[in-house]
Amino acid sequence: MDVTDDSNVADDANVSYVSFMPVALKLPTPEVTEEAKVALRAFSSLPRRRGRTRMVEVRPEAEGSPVAATVPREAFELFLEVLGQMANGNAVTIVPVHAELTTQQAADLLNVSRPFLVGLLDEGKIPFRMVGAHRRVKAADLVAYQQRDEAQRRKVLDELTAEAEKHGLGY
């Protein structure tokens, strides 16, 4: 894939996207991983500024004319994230934040066991709805839980660091 550019790419996205691994996982081949690395290096040389990506020209592997389009900064940054994951040999699937997941899919997204996730649901820490006898969890609610959990972890770490400094433990 050849890339040319006359664009501005933002350097500070604070946008949350949900990636989620489905049951049928397709890992990139070593060749695809290498192609993703080359493309990522090409894109990393782009100037980074606020605003929209004006134009990025992409040539598909198959013969054909290049495609040029104006894309939102967030979409372009998501594309770069996908390339980065592929360059590391990871499979990537994107799920909309309004999607409802099974408890197993939600547990996989949080990287916890299904019974642990069910406990979080039963404790009311993550909202869900029942579909017959099955629980369904919105991806957006999982992202919100992750953000709350990360904030709590940071708070506890800051408190521990302050306590260690108070007692001269060298942290």
N, C-alpha and C. Protein backbone atom coordinates (compact mmCIF):
# COMPACT_ATOMS: atom_id res chain seq x y z
N MET A 1 0.85 -1.17 0.00
CA MET A 1 0.00 0.00 0.00
C MET A 1 0.89 1.22 0.00
N ASP A 2 0.75 2.08 -1.01
CA ASP A 2 1.49 3.32 -1.09
C ASP A 2 0.65 4.44 -0.51
N VAL A 3 1.31 5.35 0.17
CA VAL A 3 0.57 6.44 0.81
C VAL A 3 1.23 7.76 0.46
N THR A 4 0.45 8.74 0.02
CA THR A 4 0.94 10.10 -0.13
C THR A 4 0.02 10.99 0.66
N ASP A 5 0.49 12.19 0.99
CA ASP A 5 -0.32 13.01 1.88
C ASP A 5 -0.05 14.49 1.67
N ASP A 6 -1.09 15.29 1.83
CA ASP A 6 -0.93 16.74 1.98
C ASP A 6 -1.84 17.19 3.11
N SER A 7 -1.73 16.51 4.26
CA SER A 7 -2.72 16.66 5.32
C SER A 7 -2.13 17.14 6.62
N ASN A 8 -3.06 17.41 7.53
CA ASN A 8 -2.72 17.69 8.92
C ASN A 8 -3.36 16.60 9.74
N VAL A 9 -2.59 16.00 10.63
CA VAL A 9 -3.10 14.93 11.48
C VAL A 9 -3.01 15.38 12.92
N ALA A 10 -4.07 15.21 13.67
CA ALA A 10 -4.07 15.64 15.07
C ALA A 10 -3.16 14.77 15.90
N ASP A 11 -2.60 15.36 16.96
CA ASP A 11 -1.67 14.61 17.78
C ASP A 11 -2.21 14.27 19.15
N ASP A 12 -3.43 14.65 19.47
CA ASP A 12 -3.89 14.38 20.83
C ASP A 12 -5.35 13.96 20.84
N ALA A 13 -5.60 12.73 20.45
CA ALA A 13 -6.99 12.24 20.47
C ALA A 13 -7.29 11.69 21.85
N ASN A 14 -8.39 12.11 22.40
CA ASN A 14 -8.87 11.56 23.66
C ASN A 14 -10.21 10.88 23.41
N VAL A 15 -10.24 10.10 22.36
CA VAL A 15 -11.47 9.46 21.94
C VAL A 15 -11.39 7.99 22.32
N SER A 16 -12.46 7.46 22.90
CA SER A 16 -12.48 6.05 23.28
C SER A 16 -13.17 5.23 22.21
N TYR A 17 -12.52 4.20 21.76
CA TYR A 17 -13.09 3.26 20.83
C TYR A 17 -13.01 1.89 21.49
N VAL A 18 -13.95 1.05 21.18
CA VAL A 18 -13.97 -0.27 21.77
C VAL A 18 -13.49 -1.27 20.74
N SER A 19 -12.45 -2.01 21.06
CA SER A 19 -12.02 -3.12 20.24
C SER A 19 -12.42 -4.39 20.96
N PHE A 20 -12.81 -5.39 20.22
CA PHE A 20 -13.32 -6.59 20.86
C PHE A 20 -13.02 -7.78 19.98
N MET A 21 -12.52 -8.84 20.58
CA MET A 21 -12.15 -10.02 19.81
C MET A 21 -13.30 -11.00 19.74
N PRO A 22 -13.76 -11.32 18.53
CA PRO A 22 -14.84 -12.29 18.38
C PRO A 22 -14.33 -13.71 18.52
N VAL A 23 -15.23 -14.66 18.46
CA VAL A 23 -14.86 -16.07 18.57
C VAL A 23 -13.94 -16.47 17.43
N ALA A 24 -14.27 -16.11 16.19
CA ALA A 24 -13.44 -16.44 15.04
C ALA A 24 -12.36 -15.37 14.91
N LEU A 25 -11.16 -15.69 15.35
CA LEU A 25 -10.07 -14.74 15.39
C LEU A 25 -9.15 -14.96 14.20
N LYS A 26 -8.86 -13.92 13.45
CA LYS A 26 -7.97 -14.03 12.30
C LYS A 26 -6.73 -13.19 12.55
N LEU A 27 -5.65 -13.85 12.93
CA LEU A 27 -4.40 -13.14 13.20
C LEU A 27 -3.75 -12.77 11.87
N PRO A 28 -3.11 -11.60 11.81
CA PRO A 28 -2.42 -11.22 10.57
C PRO A 28 -1.22 -12.13 10.32
N THR A 29 -1.00 -12.43 9.05
CA THR A 29 0.16 -13.25 8.66
C THR A 29 1.42 -12.42 8.85
N PRO A 30 2.59 -13.05 8.87
CA PRO A 30 3.84 -12.27 8.97
C PRO A 30 3.97 -11.25 7.83
N GLU A 31 3.49 -11.60 6.65
CA GLU A 31 3.57 -10.67 5.52
C GLU A 31 2.69 -9.44 5.77
N VAL A 32 1.47 -9.67 6.25
CA VAL A 32 0.55 -8.57 6.54
C VAL A 32 1.11 -7.71 7.67
N THR A 33 1.70 -8.35 8.68
CA THR A 33 2.31 -7.62 9.78
C THR A 33 3.40 -6.69 9.26
N GLU A 34 4.23 -7.19 8.36
CA GLU A 34 5.31 -6.37 7.80
C GLU A 34 4.75 -5.23 6.97
N GLU A 35 3.72 -5.49 6.16
CA GLU A 35 3.08 -4.44 5.37
C GLU A 35 2.50 -3.36 6.29
N ALA A 36 1.90 -3.76 7.38
CA ALA A 36 1.33 -2.80 8.34
C ALA A 36 2.43 -1.95 8.95
N LYS A 37 3.59 -2.55 9.25
CA LYS A 37 4.72 -1.79 9.80
C LYS A 37 5.19 -0.73 8.81
N VAL A 38 5.31 -1.12 7.54
CA VAL A 38 5.76 -0.18 6.51
C VAL A 38 4.76 0.97 6.37
N ALA A 39 3.47 0.65 6.33
CA ALA A 39 2.44 1.69 6.21
C ALA A 39 2.45 2.61 7.42
N LEU A 40 2.60 2.03 8.61
CA LEU A 40 2.61 2.83 9.83
C LEU A 40 3.80 3.79 9.84
N ARG A 41 4.96 3.30 9.37
CA ARG A 41 6.14 4.18 9.29
C ARG A 41 5.88 5.33 8.31
N ALA A 42 5.22 5.03 7.20
CA ALA A 42 4.91 6.08 6.21
C ALA A 42 3.99 7.12 6.82
N PHE A 43 2.97 6.67 7.55
CA PHE A 43 2.04 7.61 8.16
C PHE A 43 2.68 8.38 9.32
N SER A 44 3.64 7.78 10.01
CA SER A 44 4.24 8.45 11.16
C SER A 44 5.07 9.65 10.74
N SER A 45 5.43 9.74 9.47
CA SER A 45 6.20 10.88 9.01
C SER A 45 5.32 12.09 8.70
N LEU A 46 4.00 11.91 8.78
CA LEU A 46 3.09 13.02 8.50
C LEU A 46 3.18 14.07 9.59
N PRO A 47 3.05 15.35 9.21
CA PRO A 47 3.02 16.39 10.24
C PRO A 47 1.78 16.23 11.10
N ARG A 48 1.92 16.46 12.40
CA ARG A 48 0.79 16.29 13.31
C ARG A 48 0.32 17.65 13.79
N ARG A 49 -0.92 17.97 13.43
CA ARG A 49 -1.52 19.25 13.85
C ARG A 49 -2.98 19.00 14.13
N ARG A 50 -3.58 19.93 14.85
CA ARG A 50 -5.02 19.85 15.11
C ARG A 50 -5.78 20.04 13.80
N GLY A 51 -6.99 19.52 13.78
CA GLY A 51 -7.85 19.73 12.63
C GLY A 51 -8.17 18.45 11.90
N ARG A 52 -8.75 18.59 10.74
CA ARG A 52 -9.16 17.44 9.96
C ARG A 52 -8.01 16.98 9.07
N THR A 53 -8.00 15.72 8.76
CA THR A 53 -7.08 15.19 7.78
C THR A 53 -7.64 15.62 6.43
N ARG A 54 -6.90 16.45 5.71
CA ARG A 54 -7.45 16.99 4.46
C ARG A 54 -7.48 15.95 3.36
N MET A 55 -6.35 15.30 3.10
CA MET A 55 -6.37 14.32 2.03
C MET A 55 -5.27 13.30 2.25
N VAL A 56 -5.63 12.05 2.18
CA VAL A 56 -4.69 10.95 2.22
C VAL A 56 -5.00 10.09 1.02
N GLU A 57 -3.99 9.80 0.24
CA GLU A 57 -4.18 8.98 -0.95
C GLU A 57 -3.74 7.57 -0.65
N VAL A 58 -4.58 6.60 -0.93
CA VAL A 58 -4.28 5.20 -0.64
C VAL A 58 -4.40 4.40 -1.92
N ARG A 59 -3.40 3.59 -2.19
CA ARG A 59 -3.44 2.69 -3.34
C ARG A 59 -3.63 1.27 -2.84
N PRO A 60 -4.69 0.58 -3.27
CA PRO A 60 -4.89 -0.81 -2.84
C PRO A 60 -3.83 -1.72 -3.46
N GLU A 61 -3.64 -2.91 -2.86
CA GLU A 61 -2.65 -3.86 -3.38
C GLU A 61 -2.93 -4.21 -4.83
N ALA A 62 -4.19 -4.46 -5.14
CA ALA A 62 -4.56 -4.80 -6.51
C ALA A 62 -4.39 -3.57 -7.39
N GLU A 63 -4.17 -3.81 -8.68
CA GLU A 63 -4.00 -2.68 -9.59
C GLU A 63 -5.26 -1.84 -9.62
N GLY A 64 -5.05 -0.58 -9.75
CA GLY A 64 -6.18 0.34 -9.77
C GLY A 64 -5.71 1.72 -9.42
N SER A 65 -6.58 2.68 -9.61
CA SER A 65 -6.19 4.05 -9.31
C SER A 65 -6.31 4.31 -7.82
N PRO A 66 -5.50 5.24 -7.31
CA PRO A 66 -5.57 5.56 -5.89
C PRO A 66 -6.90 6.21 -5.52
N VAL A 67 -7.23 6.10 -4.25
CA VAL A 67 -8.45 6.71 -3.73
C VAL A 67 -8.03 7.82 -2.78
N ALA A 68 -8.63 8.99 -2.93
CA ALA A 68 -8.35 10.11 -2.04
C ALA A 68 -9.65 10.53 -1.39
N ALA A 69 -9.61 10.80 -0.10
CA ALA A 69 -10.82 11.20 0.62
C ALA A 69 -10.45 12.07 1.80
N THR A 70 -11.38 12.92 2.18
CA THR A 70 -11.24 13.70 3.40
C THR A 70 -11.88 12.90 4.52
N VAL A 71 -11.13 12.69 5.61
CA VAL A 71 -11.65 11.89 6.71
C VAL A 71 -11.54 12.67 8.01
N PRO A 72 -12.45 12.42 8.94
CA PRO A 72 -12.31 13.06 10.26
C PRO A 72 -11.03 12.59 10.94
N ARG A 73 -10.45 13.47 11.73
CA ARG A 73 -9.22 13.15 12.46
C ARG A 73 -9.36 11.87 13.27
N GLU A 74 -10.51 11.70 13.95
CA GLU A 74 -10.73 10.53 14.79
C GLU A 74 -10.70 9.24 13.98
N ALA A 75 -11.29 9.27 12.78
CA ALA A 75 -11.30 8.08 11.93
C ALA A 75 -9.88 7.73 11.48
N PHE A 76 -9.10 8.76 11.13
CA PHE A 76 -7.73 8.52 10.71
C PHE A 76 -6.89 7.97 11.86
N GLU A 77 -7.09 8.51 13.07
CA GLU A 77 -6.34 8.01 14.23
C GLU A 77 -6.73 6.58 14.56
N LEU A 78 -8.01 6.24 14.37
CA LEU A 78 -8.44 4.86 14.57
C LEU A 78 -7.78 3.94 13.55
N PHE A 79 -7.68 4.40 12.33
CA PHE A 79 -6.99 3.65 11.28
C PHE A 79 -5.54 3.41 11.67
N LEU A 80 -4.87 4.45 12.20
CA LEU A 80 -3.48 4.28 12.64
C LEU A 80 -3.38 3.29 13.79
N GLU A 81 -4.35 3.29 14.70
CA GLU A 81 -4.35 2.34 15.80
C GLU A 81 -4.50 0.91 15.28
N VAL A 82 -5.38 0.72 14.31
CA VAL A 82 -5.56 -0.61 13.71
C VAL A 82 -4.27 -1.06 13.05
N LEU A 83 -3.62 -0.16 12.29
CA LEU A 83 -2.34 -0.50 11.67
C LEU A 83 -1.30 -0.88 12.72
N GLY A 84 -1.26 -0.13 13.81
CA GLY A 84 -0.30 -0.42 14.87
C GLY A 84 -0.52 -1.78 15.49
N GLN A 85 -1.78 -2.13 15.73
CA GLN A 85 -2.07 -3.45 16.28
C GLN A 85 -1.69 -4.55 15.30
N MET A 86 -2.00 -4.35 14.02
CA MET A 86 -1.64 -5.34 13.01
C MET A 86 -0.12 -5.46 12.90
N ALA A 87 0.59 -4.34 13.00
CA ALA A 87 2.05 -4.35 12.94
C ALA A 87 2.64 -5.15 14.10
N ASN A 88 1.92 -5.21 15.21
CA ASN A 88 2.35 -6.01 16.36
C ASN A 88 1.85 -7.45 16.29
N GLY A 89 1.19 -7.80 15.20
CA GLY A 89 0.71 -9.18 15.03
C GLY A 89 -0.61 -9.47 15.71
N ASN A 90 -1.33 -8.43 16.12
CA ASN A 90 -2.61 -8.61 16.81
C ASN A 90 -3.78 -8.53 15.85
N ALA A 91 -4.79 -9.33 16.11
CA ALA A 91 -6.04 -9.23 15.35
C ALA A 91 -6.87 -8.11 15.97
N VAL A 92 -7.63 -7.41 15.14
CA VAL A 92 -8.44 -6.29 15.62
C VAL A 92 -9.83 -6.40 15.02
N THR A 93 -10.82 -6.24 15.87
CA THR A 93 -12.20 -6.11 15.43
C THR A 93 -12.77 -4.92 16.15
N ILE A 94 -13.60 -4.16 15.47
CA ILE A 94 -14.19 -2.97 16.09
C ILE A 94 -15.67 -3.23 16.28
N VAL A 95 -16.16 -2.88 17.46
CA VAL A 95 -17.57 -3.02 17.76
C VAL A 95 -18.11 -1.65 18.17
N PRO A 96 -19.27 -1.25 17.64
CA PRO A 96 -19.83 0.05 18.03
C PRO A 96 -20.14 0.08 19.52
N VAL A 97 -20.03 1.25 20.14
CA VAL A 97 -20.26 1.34 21.58
C VAL A 97 -21.71 1.07 21.96
N HIS A 98 -22.64 1.18 21.02
CA HIS A 98 -24.04 0.89 21.34
C HIS A 98 -24.38 -0.60 21.21
N ALA A 99 -23.41 -1.41 20.77
CA ALA A 99 -23.66 -2.84 20.61
C ALA A 99 -23.87 -3.51 21.97
N GLU A 100 -24.71 -4.53 21.98
CA GLU A 100 -24.92 -5.32 23.19
C GLU A 100 -24.12 -6.61 23.05
N LEU A 101 -23.43 -6.95 24.12
CA LEU A 101 -22.55 -8.12 24.12
C LEU A 101 -23.08 -9.18 25.06
N THR A 102 -22.72 -10.42 24.77
CA THR A 102 -23.01 -11.50 25.71
C THR A 102 -22.07 -11.36 26.89
N THR A 103 -22.33 -12.09 27.95
CA THR A 103 -21.45 -12.00 29.12
C THR A 103 -20.05 -12.52 28.77
N GLN A 104 -19.94 -13.51 27.90
CA GLN A 104 -18.62 -14.01 27.52
C GLN A 104 -17.86 -12.97 26.70
N GLN A 105 -18.54 -12.31 25.76
CA GLN A 105 -17.89 -11.27 24.98
C GLN A 105 -17.46 -10.11 25.88
N ALA A 106 -18.31 -9.73 26.81
CA ALA A 106 -17.99 -8.64 27.74
C ALA A 106 -16.80 -9.02 28.62
N ALA A 107 -16.78 -10.25 29.10
CA ALA A 107 -15.66 -10.72 29.93
C ALA A 107 -14.37 -10.71 29.12
N ASP A 108 -14.44 -11.14 27.86
CA ASP A 108 -13.26 -11.13 27.00
C ASP A 108 -12.76 -9.71 26.80
N LEU A 109 -13.67 -8.77 26.63
CA LEU A 109 -13.28 -7.37 26.43
C LEU A 109 -12.56 -6.83 27.67
N LEU A 110 -13.06 -7.17 28.86
CA LEU A 110 -12.43 -6.71 30.10
C LEU A 110 -11.23 -7.56 30.52
N ASN A 111 -11.04 -8.67 29.82
CA ASN A 111 -9.96 -9.60 30.14
C ASN A 111 -10.13 -10.19 31.54
N VAL A 112 -11.37 -10.58 31.84
CA VAL A 112 -11.69 -11.24 33.11
C VAL A 112 -12.49 -12.51 32.79
N SER A 113 -12.68 -13.34 33.79
CA SER A 113 -13.49 -14.54 33.58
C SER A 113 -14.97 -14.16 33.50
N ARG A 114 -15.75 -15.01 32.87
CA ARG A 114 -17.19 -14.76 32.79
C ARG A 114 -17.82 -14.75 34.17
N PRO A 115 -17.48 -15.70 35.09
CA PRO A 115 -18.08 -15.63 36.43
C PRO A 115 -17.75 -14.33 37.17
N PHE A 116 -16.53 -13.82 37.00
CA PHE A 116 -16.17 -12.55 37.64
C PHE A 116 -17.03 -11.42 37.08
N LEU A 117 -17.22 -11.40 35.75
CA LEU A 117 -18.05 -10.38 35.13
C LEU A 117 -19.48 -10.47 35.63
N VAL A 118 -20.03 -11.69 35.72
CA VAL A 118 -21.39 -11.87 36.21
C VAL A 118 -21.52 -11.31 37.63
N GLY A 119 -20.48 -11.49 38.44
CA GLY A 119 -20.48 -10.92 39.79
C GLY A 119 -20.55 -9.39 39.75
N LEU A 120 -19.79 -8.77 38.82
CA LEU A 120 -19.85 -7.32 38.67
C LEU A 120 -21.25 -6.87 38.26
N LEU A 121 -21.88 -7.64 37.38
CA LEU A 121 -23.23 -7.30 36.95
C LEU A 121 -24.20 -7.42 38.10
N ASP A 122 -24.11 -8.53 38.84
CA ASP A 122 -25.03 -8.76 39.96
C ASP A 122 -24.84 -7.74 41.08
N GLU A 123 -23.62 -7.22 41.24
CA GLU A 123 -23.35 -6.19 42.26
C GLU A 123 -23.80 -4.81 41.79
N GLY A 124 -24.24 -4.69 40.55
CA GLY A 124 -24.69 -3.41 40.02
C GLY A 124 -23.57 -2.49 39.57
N LYS A 125 -22.36 -3.01 39.42
CA LYS A 125 -21.24 -2.18 39.00
C LYS A 125 -21.26 -1.89 37.51
N ILE A 126 -21.92 -2.76 36.75
CA ILE A 126 -22.08 -2.56 35.32
C ILE A 126 -23.54 -2.83 34.98
N PRO A 127 -24.21 -1.89 34.32
CA PRO A 127 -25.62 -2.12 33.95
C PRO A 127 -25.74 -3.23 32.89
N PHE A 128 -26.87 -3.89 32.89
CA PHE A 128 -27.15 -4.92 31.89
C PHE A 128 -28.65 -5.05 31.76
N ARG A 129 -29.07 -5.80 30.77
CA ARG A 129 -30.49 -6.12 30.64
C ARG A 129 -30.62 -7.60 30.36
N MET A 130 -31.77 -8.13 30.70
CA MET A 130 -32.04 -9.55 30.48
C MET A 130 -32.76 -9.72 29.15
N VAL A 131 -32.32 -10.70 28.39
CA VAL A 131 -33.00 -11.12 27.16
C VAL A 131 -33.34 -12.58 27.39
N GLY A 132 -34.57 -12.82 27.79
CA GLY A 132 -34.93 -14.16 28.23
C GLY A 132 -34.17 -14.47 29.51
N ALA A 133 -33.38 -15.53 29.48
CA ALA A 133 -32.58 -15.91 30.65
C ALA A 133 -31.13 -15.43 30.53
N HIS A 134 -30.84 -14.62 29.51
CA HIS A 134 -29.45 -14.22 29.24
C HIS A 134 -29.24 -12.73 29.48
N ARG A 135 -28.07 -12.41 30.02
CA ARG A 135 -27.70 -11.03 30.26
C ARG A 135 -27.06 -10.45 29.00
N ARG A 136 -27.34 -9.17 28.74
CA ARG A 136 -26.70 -8.44 27.64
C ARG A 136 -26.14 -7.15 28.21
N VAL A 137 -24.92 -6.83 27.80
CA VAL A 137 -24.20 -5.68 28.33
C VAL A 137 -23.83 -4.76 27.17
N LYS A 138 -24.11 -3.48 27.32
CA LYS A 138 -23.73 -2.51 26.29
C LYS A 138 -22.22 -2.27 26.36
N ALA A 139 -21.61 -2.20 25.18
CA ALA A 139 -20.18 -1.92 25.11
C ALA A 139 -19.85 -0.58 25.77
N ALA A 140 -20.72 0.41 25.61
CA ALA A 140 -20.49 1.72 26.23
C ALA A 140 -20.43 1.62 27.74
N ASP A 141 -21.25 0.74 28.33
CA ASP A 141 -21.23 0.57 29.78
C ASP A 141 -19.93 -0.10 30.23
N LEU A 142 -19.38 -0.97 29.40
CA LEU A 142 -18.09 -1.59 29.74
C LEU A 142 -16.97 -0.56 29.70
N VAL A 143 -17.01 0.31 28.70
CA VAL A 143 -16.00 1.37 28.60
C VAL A 143 -16.10 2.29 29.82
N ALA A 144 -17.32 2.65 30.21
CA ALA A 144 -17.51 3.51 31.39
C ALA A 144 -16.97 2.82 32.64
N TYR A 145 -17.23 1.52 32.80
CA TYR A 145 -16.71 0.77 33.94
C TYR A 145 -15.18 0.79 33.93
N GLN A 146 -14.58 0.54 32.76
CA GLN A 146 -13.12 0.54 32.66
C GLN A 146 -12.55 1.89 33.07
N GLN A 147 -13.18 2.96 32.63
CA GLN A 147 -12.70 4.30 32.96
C GLN A 147 -12.82 4.58 34.46
N ARG A 148 -13.95 4.18 35.07
CA ARG A 148 -14.11 4.36 36.52
C ARG A 148 -13.08 3.54 37.28
N ASP A 149 -12.87 2.29 36.84
CA ASP A 149 -11.92 1.40 37.50
C ASP A 149 -10.50 1.95 37.40
N GLU A 150 -10.14 2.45 36.24
CA GLU A 150 -8.80 3.01 36.05
C GLU A 150 -8.61 4.26 36.91
N ALA A 151 -9.64 5.11 37.00
CA ALA A 151 -9.55 6.30 37.84
C ALA A 151 -9.37 5.92 39.31
N GLN A 152 -10.09 4.91 39.74
CA GLN A 152 -9.97 4.44 41.13
C GLN A 152 -8.57 3.88 41.39
N ARG A 153 -8.04 3.13 40.44
CA ARG A 153 -6.68 2.58 40.59
C ARG A 153 -5.65 3.70 40.70
N ARG A 154 -5.80 4.73 39.84
CA ARG A 154 -4.88 5.87 39.88
C ARG A 154 -4.95 6.58 41.23
N LYS A 155 -6.16 6.74 41.75
CA LYS A 155 -6.35 7.42 43.03
C LYS A 155 -5.65 6.65 44.15
N VAL A 156 -5.83 5.33 44.18
CA VAL A 156 -5.20 4.50 45.21
C VAL A 156 -3.68 4.54 45.06
N LEU A 157 -3.19 4.49 43.83
CA LEU A 157 -1.75 4.55 43.61
C LEU A 157 -1.18 5.88 44.10
N ASP A 158 -1.89 6.97 43.82
CA ASP A 158 -1.44 8.29 44.30
C ASP A 158 -1.40 8.34 45.82
N GLU A 159 -2.41 7.75 46.47
CA GLU A 159 -2.45 7.72 47.93
C GLU A 159 -1.29 6.90 48.49
N LEU A 160 -1.02 5.76 47.88
CA LEU A 160 0.10 4.91 48.33
C LEU A 160 1.44 5.62 48.13
N THR A 161 1.58 6.30 47.01
CA THR A 161 2.81 7.04 46.75
C THR A 161 3.00 8.16 47.77
N ALA A 162 1.93 8.88 48.06
CA ALA A 162 2.01 9.97 49.06
C ALA A 162 2.38 9.41 50.43
N GLU A 163 1.79 8.30 50.80
CA GLU A 163 2.10 7.67 52.09
C GLU A 163 3.56 7.21 52.14
N ALA A 164 4.06 6.63 51.05
CA ALA A 164 5.46 6.19 51.00
C ALA A 164 6.40 7.38 51.12
N GLU A 165 6.09 8.48 50.44
CA GLU A 165 6.91 9.68 50.54
C GLU A 165 6.88 10.25 51.95
N LYS A 166 5.72 10.22 52.56
CA LYS A 166 5.56 10.73 53.93
C LYS A 166 6.46 9.98 54.90
N HIS A 167 6.64 8.68 54.67
CA HIS A 167 7.45 7.86 55.56
C HIS A 167 8.89 7.70 55.06
N GLY A 168 9.25 8.46 54.03
CA GLY A 168 10.62 8.45 53.54
C GLY A 168 11.06 7.14 52.93
N LEU A 169 10.17 6.47 52.24
CA LEU A 169 10.51 5.18 51.65
C LEU A 169 11.16 5.30 50.26
N GLY A 170 11.40 6.54 49.84
CA GLY A 170 12.15 6.75 48.60
C GLY A 170 11.36 6.60 47.32
N TYR A 171 10.07 6.77 47.37
CA TYR A 171 9.28 6.64 46.14
C TYR A 171 8.93 8.00 45.60
